[in-house]
Amino acid sequence: MRLSMTTIIVVALCGLFPQQGMARGAGQLSAADLKGWYVGVETGFPFAVSTFTSFGTDRARFGWNAIPYVGYRFNPVLSLEGQALWGREHLSARDGQTDIPLGNWHLGDLQSDVFTQRYTAQLNFNLLGFYERTRYSRWTLEVSPALSAIGTKSTLRPIGDGAPVLENDARWHFGVGVNLESAYRITRNFFAGIYTNIHFLTGRQLDGVPADGYSSNYIWDVGLTLGWAFGKQ
């Protein structure tokens, strides 16, 4: 008996979705789905504000990052997560800094490229889990306080291209931050979402620019998250 292409596609799609999940309805998960280990990766566009800023006088400069993570969900409300990050930020002079001299250069002629590594522990609170009506929803809306060890290594170079003007040694910072994330379980296990976070760094300025009088020292990040929840079933 020959099967039509439509029949084959329907059968294949049905096999991708567990029957238990279908029986619960598209909008609901079980308690077992919302407990257990999960893994994933985030990627985004970080901006930094320090002595220089990613929103410089000439233009805004996007960075990049990659963040693998692993976590354990205790219940629909609470989960604990560990992250590692590698990325780069690009910063240039603010208003009022452009004519400050640095050797044979002015700060307005330079940009700071910062390689960043971050190791983070964060506690996630799913706000939808506090309400019975949304406790087992496929949606999550999480607020997450975070503590981090953050390493930075900065290089000052002419805007556009050119040999480094100043290369700084790697510096380590203690970081305190908060993350806001919304995600959706596309299947019982696979989820995708968007996030934004901010991390404040202690110690010396992350961009390594030798100018006094600036206390801002933080990285703001926005991006996408993809993950797989193993659950208890």
C-alpha atoms as a PDB file:
ATOM      1  CA  MET A   1       0.000   0.000   0.000  1.00  0.00           C
ATOM      2  CA  ARG A   2       1.410   3.364  -0.975  1.00  0.00           C
ATOM      3  CA  LEU A   3       1.261   6.229   1.524  1.00  0.00           C
ATOM      4  CA  SER A   4       0.830   9.813   0.462  1.00  0.00           C
ATOM      5  CA  MET A   5       3.479  12.363   1.397  1.00  0.00           C
ATOM      6  CA  THR A   6       0.934  14.153   3.627  1.00  0.00           C
ATOM      7  CA  THR A   7       0.291  10.968   5.623  1.00  0.00           C
ATOM      8  CA  ILE A   8       4.018  10.377   6.105  1.00  0.00           C
ATOM      9  CA  ILE A   9       4.550  13.943   7.356  1.00  0.00           C
ATOM     10  CA  VAL A  10       1.620  13.728   9.810  1.00  0.00           C
ATOM     11  CA  VAL A  11       2.863  10.417  11.225  1.00  0.00           C
ATOM     12  CA  ALA A  12       6.406  11.803  11.592  1.00  0.00           C
ATOM     13  CA  LEU A  13       5.219  14.931  13.382  1.00  0.00           C
ATOM     14  CA  CYS A  14       3.063  12.912  15.772  1.00  0.00           C
ATOM     15  CA  GLY A  15       6.126  10.880  16.689  1.00  0.00           C
ATOM     16  CA  LEU A  16       7.984  14.018  17.783  1.00  0.00           C
ATOM     17  CA  PHE A  17       5.498  14.844  20.532  1.00  0.00           C
ATOM     18  CA  PRO A  18       5.011  12.515  23.501  1.00  0.00           C
ATOM     19  CA  GLN A  19       1.444  11.267  23.800  1.00  0.00           C
ATOM     20  CA  GLN A  20       1.286  12.219  27.483  1.00  0.00           C
ATOM     21  CA  GLY A  21       2.126  15.801  26.599  1.00  0.00           C
ATOM     22  CA  MET A  22      -0.600  15.868  23.943  1.00  0.00           C
ATOM     23  CA  ALA A  23      -3.159  14.505  26.377  1.00  0.00           C
ATOM     24  CA  ARG A  24      -2.477  17.347  28.776  1.00  0.00           C
ATOM     25  CA  GLY A  25      -3.194  19.956  26.138  1.00  0.00           C
ATOM     26  CA  ALA A  26      -0.932  22.378  24.369  1.00  0.00           C
ATOM     27  CA  GLY A  27      -0.793  24.859  27.228  1.00  0.00           C
ATOM     28  CA  GLN A  28       0.046  22.617  30.176  1.00  0.00           C
ATOM     29  CA  LEU A  29       2.976  20.568  31.511  1.00  0.00           C
ATOM     30  CA  SER A  30       3.130  18.112  34.396  1.00  0.00           C
ATOM     31  CA  ALA A  31       4.878  18.534  37.747  1.00  0.00           C
ATOM     32  CA  ALA A  32       7.427  15.941  36.576  1.00  0.00           C
ATOM     33  CA  ASP A  33       8.214  18.027  33.477  1.00  0.00           C
ATOM     34  CA  LEU A  34       9.003  21.004  35.702  1.00  0.00           C
ATOM     35  CA  LYS A  35      11.473  19.199  37.920  1.00  0.00           C
ATOM     36  CA  GLY A  36      14.967  17.936  37.105  1.00  0.00           C
ATOM     37  CA  TRP A  37      18.073  18.844  35.126  1.00  0.00           C
ATOM     38  CA  TYR A  38      18.241  21.067  32.070  1.00  0.00           C
ATOM     39  CA  VAL A  39      21.025  22.309  29.786  1.00  0.00           C
ATOM     40  CA  GLY A  40      21.265  24.974  27.118  1.00  0.00           C
ATOM     41  CA  VAL A  41      23.132  27.775  25.451  1.00  0.00           C
ATOM     42  CA  GLU A  42      22.592  31.523  25.187  1.00  0.00           C
ATOM     43  CA  THR A  43      24.022  33.964  22.704  1.00  0.00           C
ATOM     44  CA  GLY A  44      23.566  37.689  22.570  1.00  0.00           C
ATOM     45  CA  PHE A  45      24.848  41.200  22.053  1.00  0.00           C
ATOM     46  CA  PRO A  46      26.529  42.740  25.124  1.00  0.00           C
ATOM     47  CA  PHE A  47      27.111  46.437  25.717  1.00  0.00           C
ATOM     48  CA  ALA A  48      29.426  47.855  28.370  1.00  0.00           C
ATOM     49  CA  VAL A  49      29.647  51.152  30.241  1.00  0.00           C
ATOM     50  CA  SER A  50      32.932  51.971  31.973  1.00  0.00           C
ATOM     51  CA  THR A  51      35.343  54.867  31.403  1.00  0.00           C
ATOM     52  CA  PHE A  52      34.396  54.451  27.751  1.00  0.00           C
ATOM     53  CA  THR A  53      30.954  53.211  26.664  1.00  0.00           C
ATOM     54  CA  SER A  54      29.530  51.003  23.919  1.00  0.00           C
ATOM     55  CA  PHE A  55      27.269  53.977  23.113  1.00  0.00           C
ATOM     56  CA  GLY A  56      30.147  56.264  22.113  1.00  0.00           C
ATOM     57  CA  THR A  57      29.988  59.672  20.503  1.00  0.00           C
ATOM     58  CA  ASP A  58      30.498  58.248  17.009  1.00  0.00           C
ATOM     59  CA  ARG A  59      28.173  55.189  17.138  1.00  0.00           C
ATOM     60  CA  ALA A  60      26.928  52.234  19.180  1.00  0.00           C
ATOM     61  CA  ARG A  61      29.173  49.171  19.152  1.00  0.00           C
ATOM     62  CA  PHE A  62      27.727  45.663  19.459  1.00  0.00           C
ATOM     63  CA  GLY A  63      29.643  42.885  21.142  1.00  0.00           C
ATOM     64  CA  TRP A  64      29.102  39.118  21.082  1.00  0.00           C
ATOM     65  CA  ASN A  65      29.024  36.261  23.560  1.00  0.00           C
ATOM     66  CA  ALA A  66      28.392  32.527  23.971  1.00  0.00           C
ATOM     67  CA  ILE A  67      26.987  31.127  27.245  1.00  0.00           C
ATOM     68  CA  PRO A  68      26.605  27.388  27.894  1.00  0.00           C
ATOM     69  CA  TYR A  69      24.626  26.641  31.057  1.00  0.00           C
ATOM     70  CA  VAL A  70      23.337  23.786  33.201  1.00  0.00           C
ATOM     71  CA  GLY A  71      20.689  23.926  35.905  1.00  0.00           C
ATOM     72  CA  TYR A  72      18.355  21.983  38.145  1.00  0.00           C
ATOM     73  CA  ARG A  73      14.667  22.858  38.515  1.00  0.00           C
ATOM     74  CA  PHE A  74      13.271  22.031  41.945  1.00  0.00           C
ATOM     75  CA  ASN A  75       9.632  22.923  41.245  1.00  0.00           C
ATOM     76  CA  PRO A  76       7.599  25.257  38.982  1.00  0.00           C
ATOM     77  CA  VAL A  77       8.959  28.301  40.863  1.00  0.00           C
ATOM     78  CA  LEU A  78      12.608  27.693  41.725  1.00  0.00           C
ATOM     79  CA  SER A  79      15.725  26.554  39.862  1.00  0.00           C
ATOM     80  CA  LEU A  80      19.485  26.894  40.376  1.00  0.00           C
ATOM     81  CA  GLU A  81      21.759  27.491  37.399  1.00  0.00           C
ATOM     82  CA  GLY A  82      25.477  27.673  36.583  1.00  0.00           C
ATOM     83  CA  GLN A  83      26.816  29.504  33.523  1.00  0.00           C
ATOM     84  CA  ALA A  84      30.099  30.080  31.730  1.00  0.00           C
ATOM     85  CA  LEU A  85      30.499  33.005  29.323  1.00  0.00           C
ATOM     86  CA  TRP A  86      33.043  34.005  26.714  1.00  0.00           C
ATOM     87  CA  GLY A  87      32.571  37.195  24.769  1.00  0.00           C
ATOM     88  CA  ARG A  88      33.852  40.569  23.642  1.00  0.00           C
ATOM     89  CA  GLU A  89      32.708  44.168  24.122  1.00  0.00           C
ATOM     90  CA  HIS A  90      33.700  47.264  22.152  1.00  0.00           C
ATOM     91  CA  LEU A  91      33.704  50.746  23.706  1.00  0.00           C
ATOM     92  CA  SER A  92      34.659  54.292  22.647  1.00  0.00           C
ATOM     93  CA  ALA A  93      34.801  57.792  24.137  1.00  0.00           C
ATOM     94  CA  ARG A  94      31.880  59.596  25.758  1.00  0.00           C
ATOM     95  CA  ASP A  95      30.967  63.245  25.306  1.00  0.00           C
ATOM     96  CA  GLY A  96      33.619  65.406  26.956  1.00  0.00           C
ATOM     97  CA  GLN A  97      36.375  62.780  26.625  1.00  0.00           C
ATOM     98  CA  THR A  98      37.260  63.086  22.963  1.00  0.00           C
ATOM     99  CA  ASP A  99      39.984  65.755  23.419  1.00  0.00           C
ATOM    100  CA  ILE A 100      41.693  64.151  26.427  1.00  0.00           C
ATOM    101  CA  PRO A 101      45.263  63.266  25.374  1.00  0.00           C
ATOM    102  CA  LEU A 102      46.794  59.798  25.684  1.00  0.00           C
ATOM    103  CA  GLY A 103      50.375  59.827  24.392  1.00  0.00           C
ATOM    104  CA  ASN A 104      50.268  60.807  20.738  1.00  0.00           C
ATOM    105  CA  TRP A 105      46.527  60.208  20.593  1.00  0.00           C
ATOM    106  CA  HIS A 106      43.288  61.688  21.871  1.00  0.00           C
ATOM    107  CA  LEU A 107      40.724  59.443  23.530  1.00  0.00           C
ATOM    108  CA  GLY A 108      38.242  60.327  20.800  1.00  0.00           C
ATOM    109  CA  ASP A 109      40.495  58.524  18.299  1.00  0.00           C
ATOM    110  CA  LEU A 110      40.548  55.246  20.240  1.00  0.00           C
ATOM    111  CA  GLN A 111      38.323  52.306  21.080  1.00  0.00           C
ATOM    112  CA  SER A 112      38.667  49.651  23.775  1.00  0.00           C
ATOM    113  CA  ASP A 113      38.152  46.014  22.819  1.00  0.00           C
ATOM    114  CA  VAL A 114      37.506  43.854  25.896  1.00  0.00           C
ATOM    115  CA  PHE A 115      37.625  40.068  25.992  1.00  0.00           C
ATOM    116  CA  THR A 116      35.378  38.799  28.793  1.00  0.00           C
ATOM    117  CA  GLN A 117      34.990  35.499  30.601  1.00  0.00           C
ATOM    118  CA  ARG A 118      32.334  35.069  33.284  1.00  0.00           C
ATOM    119  CA  TYR A 119      31.446  32.237  35.646  1.00  0.00           C
ATOM    120  CA  THR A 120      28.042  32.693  37.220  1.00  0.00           C
ATOM    121  CA  ALA A 121      25.715  31.079  39.735  1.00  0.00           C
ATOM    122  CA  GLN A 122      22.133  32.325  39.655  1.00  0.00           C
ATOM    123  CA  LEU A 123      18.861  31.497  41.386  1.00  0.00           C
ATOM    124  CA  ASN A 124      15.841  31.627  39.070  1.00  0.00           C
ATOM    125  CA  PHE A 125      12.349  32.555  40.294  1.00  0.00           C
ATOM    126  CA  ASN A 126       9.585  31.801  37.785  1.00  0.00           C
ATOM    127  CA  LEU A 127       6.953  34.446  38.496  1.00  0.00           C
ATOM    128  CA  LEU A 128       4.250  32.449  36.660  1.00  0.00           C
ATOM    129  CA  GLY A 129       4.839  29.537  39.032  1.00  0.00           C
ATOM    130  CA  PHE A 130       3.418  31.504  41.965  1.00  0.00           C
ATOM    131  CA  TYR A 131      -0.076  31.438  40.448  1.00  0.00           C
ATOM    132  CA  GLU A 132      -2.127  28.251  40.207  1.00  0.00           C
ATOM    133  CA  ARG A 133      -3.556  29.157  36.840  1.00  0.00           C
ATOM    134  CA  THR A 134      -0.104  29.511  35.194  1.00  0.00           C
ATOM    135  CA  ARG A 135       1.967  27.180  37.406  1.00  0.00           C
ATOM    136  CA  TYR A 136       2.191  24.423  34.772  1.00  0.00           C
ATOM    137  CA  SER A 137       2.160  26.669  31.732  1.00  0.00           C
ATOM    138  CA  ARG A 138       4.622  26.126  28.907  1.00  0.00           C
ATOM    139  CA  TRP A 139       5.660  29.741  29.469  1.00  0.00           C
ATOM    140  CA  THR A 140       8.130  30.859  32.129  1.00  0.00           C
ATOM    141  CA  LEU A 141       8.985  34.395  33.216  1.00  0.00           C
ATOM    142  CA  GLU A 142      12.051  34.296  35.436  1.00  0.00           C
ATOM    143  CA  VAL A 143      13.830  36.888  37.554  1.00  0.00           C
ATOM    144  CA  SER A 144      17.296  35.752  38.629  1.00  0.00           C
ATOM    145  CA  PRO A 145      19.777  37.352  41.046  1.00  0.00           C
ATOM    146  CA  ALA A 146      23.330  36.300  40.135  1.00  0.00           C
ATOM    147  CA  LEU A 147      26.871  36.264  41.545  1.00  0.00           C
ATOM    148  CA  SER A 148      29.869  36.005  39.212  1.00  0.00           C
ATOM    149  CA  ALA A 149      33.616  35.896  38.847  1.00  0.00           C
ATOM    150  CA  ILE A 150      34.393  38.016  35.768  1.00  0.00           C
ATOM    151  CA  GLY A 151      37.714  38.229  33.951  1.00  0.00           C
ATOM    152  CA  THR A 152      38.459  41.047  31.509  1.00  0.00           C
ATOM    153  CA  LYS A 153      41.396  41.780  29.207  1.00  0.00           C
ATOM    154  CA  SER A 154      41.307  45.067  27.328  1.00  0.00           C
ATOM    155  CA  THR A 155      43.218  46.512  24.381  1.00  0.00           C
ATOM    156  CA  LEU A 156      43.147  50.150  23.287  1.00  0.00           C
ATOM    157  CA  ARG A 157      43.512  50.625  19.540  1.00  0.00           C
ATOM    158  CA  PRO A 158      42.719  53.292  16.937  1.00  0.00           C
ATOM    159  CA  ILE A 159      39.106  53.363  15.801  1.00  0.00           C
ATOM    160  CA  GLY A 160      38.756  51.313  12.640  1.00  0.00           C
ATOM    161  CA  ASP A 161      42.124  49.576  12.516  1.00  0.00           C
ATOM    162  CA  GLY A 162      45.721  49.845  13.603  1.00  0.00           C
ATOM    163  CA  ALA A 163      48.326  48.531  16.015  1.00  0.00           C
ATOM    164  CA  PRO A 164      47.383  48.437  19.717  1.00  0.00           C
ATOM    165  CA  VAL A 165      48.136  51.632  21.634  1.00  0.00           C
ATOM    166  CA  LEU A 166      47.845  49.999  25.075  1.00  0.00           C
ATOM    167  CA  GLU A 167      47.393  46.347  26.029  1.00  0.00           C
ATOM    168  CA  ASN A 168      46.321  45.668  29.616  1.00  0.00           C
ATOM    169  CA  ASP A 169      46.846  42.547  31.681  1.00  0.00           C
ATOM    170  CA  ALA A 170      43.880  40.349  32.539  1.00  0.00           C
ATOM    171  CA  ARG A 171      41.863  41.541  35.555  1.00  0.00           C
ATOM    172  CA  TRP A 172      39.388  39.656  37.715  1.00  0.00           C
ATOM    173  CA  HIS A 173      36.265  41.234  39.170  1.00  0.00           C
ATOM    174  CA  PHE A 174      33.499  40.202  41.514  1.00  0.00           C
ATOM    175  CA  GLY A 175      30.155  40.670  39.774  1.00  0.00           C
ATOM    176  CA  VAL A 176      26.607  41.138  41.041  1.00  0.00           C
ATOM    177  CA  GLY A 177      23.765  41.029  38.563  1.00  0.00           C
ATOM    178  CA  VAL A 178      20.175  40.251  37.715  1.00  0.00           C
ATOM    179  CA  ASN A 179      18.684  38.408  34.737  1.00  0.00           C
ATOM    180  CA  LEU A 180      15.178  38.595  33.250  1.00  0.00           C
ATOM    181  CA  GLU A 181      14.129  35.803  30.893  1.00  0.00           C
ATOM    182  CA  SER A 182      10.975  34.647  29.156  1.00  0.00           C
ATOM    183  CA  ALA A 183      10.924  31.177  27.577  1.00  0.00           C
ATOM    184  CA  TYR A 184       8.425  28.771  26.004  1.00  0.00           C
ATOM    185  CA  ARG A 185       8.417  24.951  25.940  1.00  0.00           C
ATOM    186  CA  ILE A 186       7.982  24.187  22.260  1.00  0.00           C
ATOM    187  CA  THR A 187       7.849  20.494  23.119  1.00  0.00           C
ATOM    188  CA  ARG A 188       7.808  18.842  26.540  1.00  0.00           C
ATOM    189  CA  ASN A 189      11.608  19.084  26.638  1.00  0.00           C
ATOM    190  CA  PHE A 190      12.801  21.709  24.151  1.00  0.00           C
ATOM    191  CA  PHE A 191      12.456  25.398  25.022  1.00  0.00           C
ATOM    192  CA  ALA A 192      13.460  28.732  23.525  1.00  0.00           C
ATOM    193  CA  GLY A 193      13.297  32.286  24.786  1.00  0.00           C
ATOM    194  CA  ILE A 194      14.793  35.743  25.109  1.00  0.00           C
ATOM    195  CA  TYR A 195      16.729  37.275  27.975  1.00  0.00           C
ATOM    196  CA  THR A 196      18.326  40.467  29.200  1.00  0.00           C
ATOM    197  CA  ASN A 197      20.685  40.957  32.115  1.00  0.00           C
ATOM    198  CA  ILE A 198      23.040  43.407  33.733  1.00  0.00           C
ATOM    199  CA  HIS A 199      26.203  42.680  35.740  1.00  0.00           C
ATOM    200  CA  PHE A 200      28.013  45.267  37.860  1.00  0.00           C
ATOM    201  CA  LEU A 201      31.758  44.749  38.267  1.00  0.00           C
ATOM    202  CA  THR A 202      33.893  45.638  41.277  1.00  0.00           C
ATOM    203  CA  GLY A 203      37.490  46.829  41.085  1.00  0.00           C
ATOM    204  CA  ARG A 204      39.198  48.736  38.286  1.00  0.00           C
ATOM    205  CA  GLN A 205      37.470  49.806  35.091  1.00  0.00           C
ATOM    206  CA  LEU A 206      36.879  46.905  32.721  1.00  0.00           C
ATOM    207  CA  ASP A 207      37.976  48.820  29.607  1.00  0.00           C
ATOM    208  CA  GLY A 208      41.465  49.724  30.892  1.00  0.00           C
ATOM    209  CA  VAL A 209      41.234  53.369  29.822  1.00  0.00           C
ATOM    210  CA  PRO A 210      43.640  55.485  31.944  1.00  0.00           C
ATOM    211  CA  ALA A 211      41.242  58.322  32.787  1.00  0.00           C
ATOM    212  CA  ASP A 212      39.994  59.280  36.239  1.00  0.00           C
ATOM    213  CA  GLY A 213      36.582  60.320  37.499  1.00  0.00           C
ATOM    214  CA  TYR A 214      34.351  57.582  36.063  1.00  0.00           C
ATOM    215  CA  SER A 215      32.689  55.056  38.369  1.00  0.00           C
ATOM    216  CA  SER A 216      30.358  53.188  35.965  1.00  0.00           C
ATOM    217  CA  ASN A 217      31.489  49.616  35.452  1.00  0.00           C
ATOM    218  CA  TYR A 218      28.826  47.254  34.109  1.00  0.00           C
ATOM    219  CA  ILE A 219      27.885  45.012  31.184  1.00  0.00           C
ATOM    220  CA  TRP A 220      24.345  44.867  29.804  1.00  0.00           C
ATOM    221  CA  ASP A 221      23.360  41.957  27.583  1.00  0.00           C
ATOM    222  CA  VAL A 222      20.365  40.947  25.433  1.00  0.00           C
ATOM    223  CA  GLY A 223      19.960  37.751  23.454  1.00  0.00           C
ATOM    224  CA  LEU A 224      18.365  34.368  22.789  1.00  0.00           C
ATOM    225  CA  THR A 225      18.337  31.146  24.805  1.00  0.00           C
ATOM    226  CA  LEU A 226      17.827  27.548  23.647  1.00  0.00           C
ATOM    227  CA  GLY A 227      17.628  24.604  26.033  1.00  0.00           C
ATOM    228  CA  TRP A 228      16.601  21.054  26.777  1.00  0.00           C
ATOM    229  CA  ALA A 229      14.822  20.035  29.990  1.00  0.00           C
ATOM    230  CA  PHE A 230      15.170  16.376  30.947  1.00  0.00           C
ATOM    231  CA  GLY A 231      12.371  16.364  33.541  1.00  0.00           C
ATOM    232  CA  LYS A 232      11.534  13.444  35.853  1.00  0.00           C
ATOM    233  CA  GLN A 233       9.472  11.311  33.467  1.00  0.00           C
END
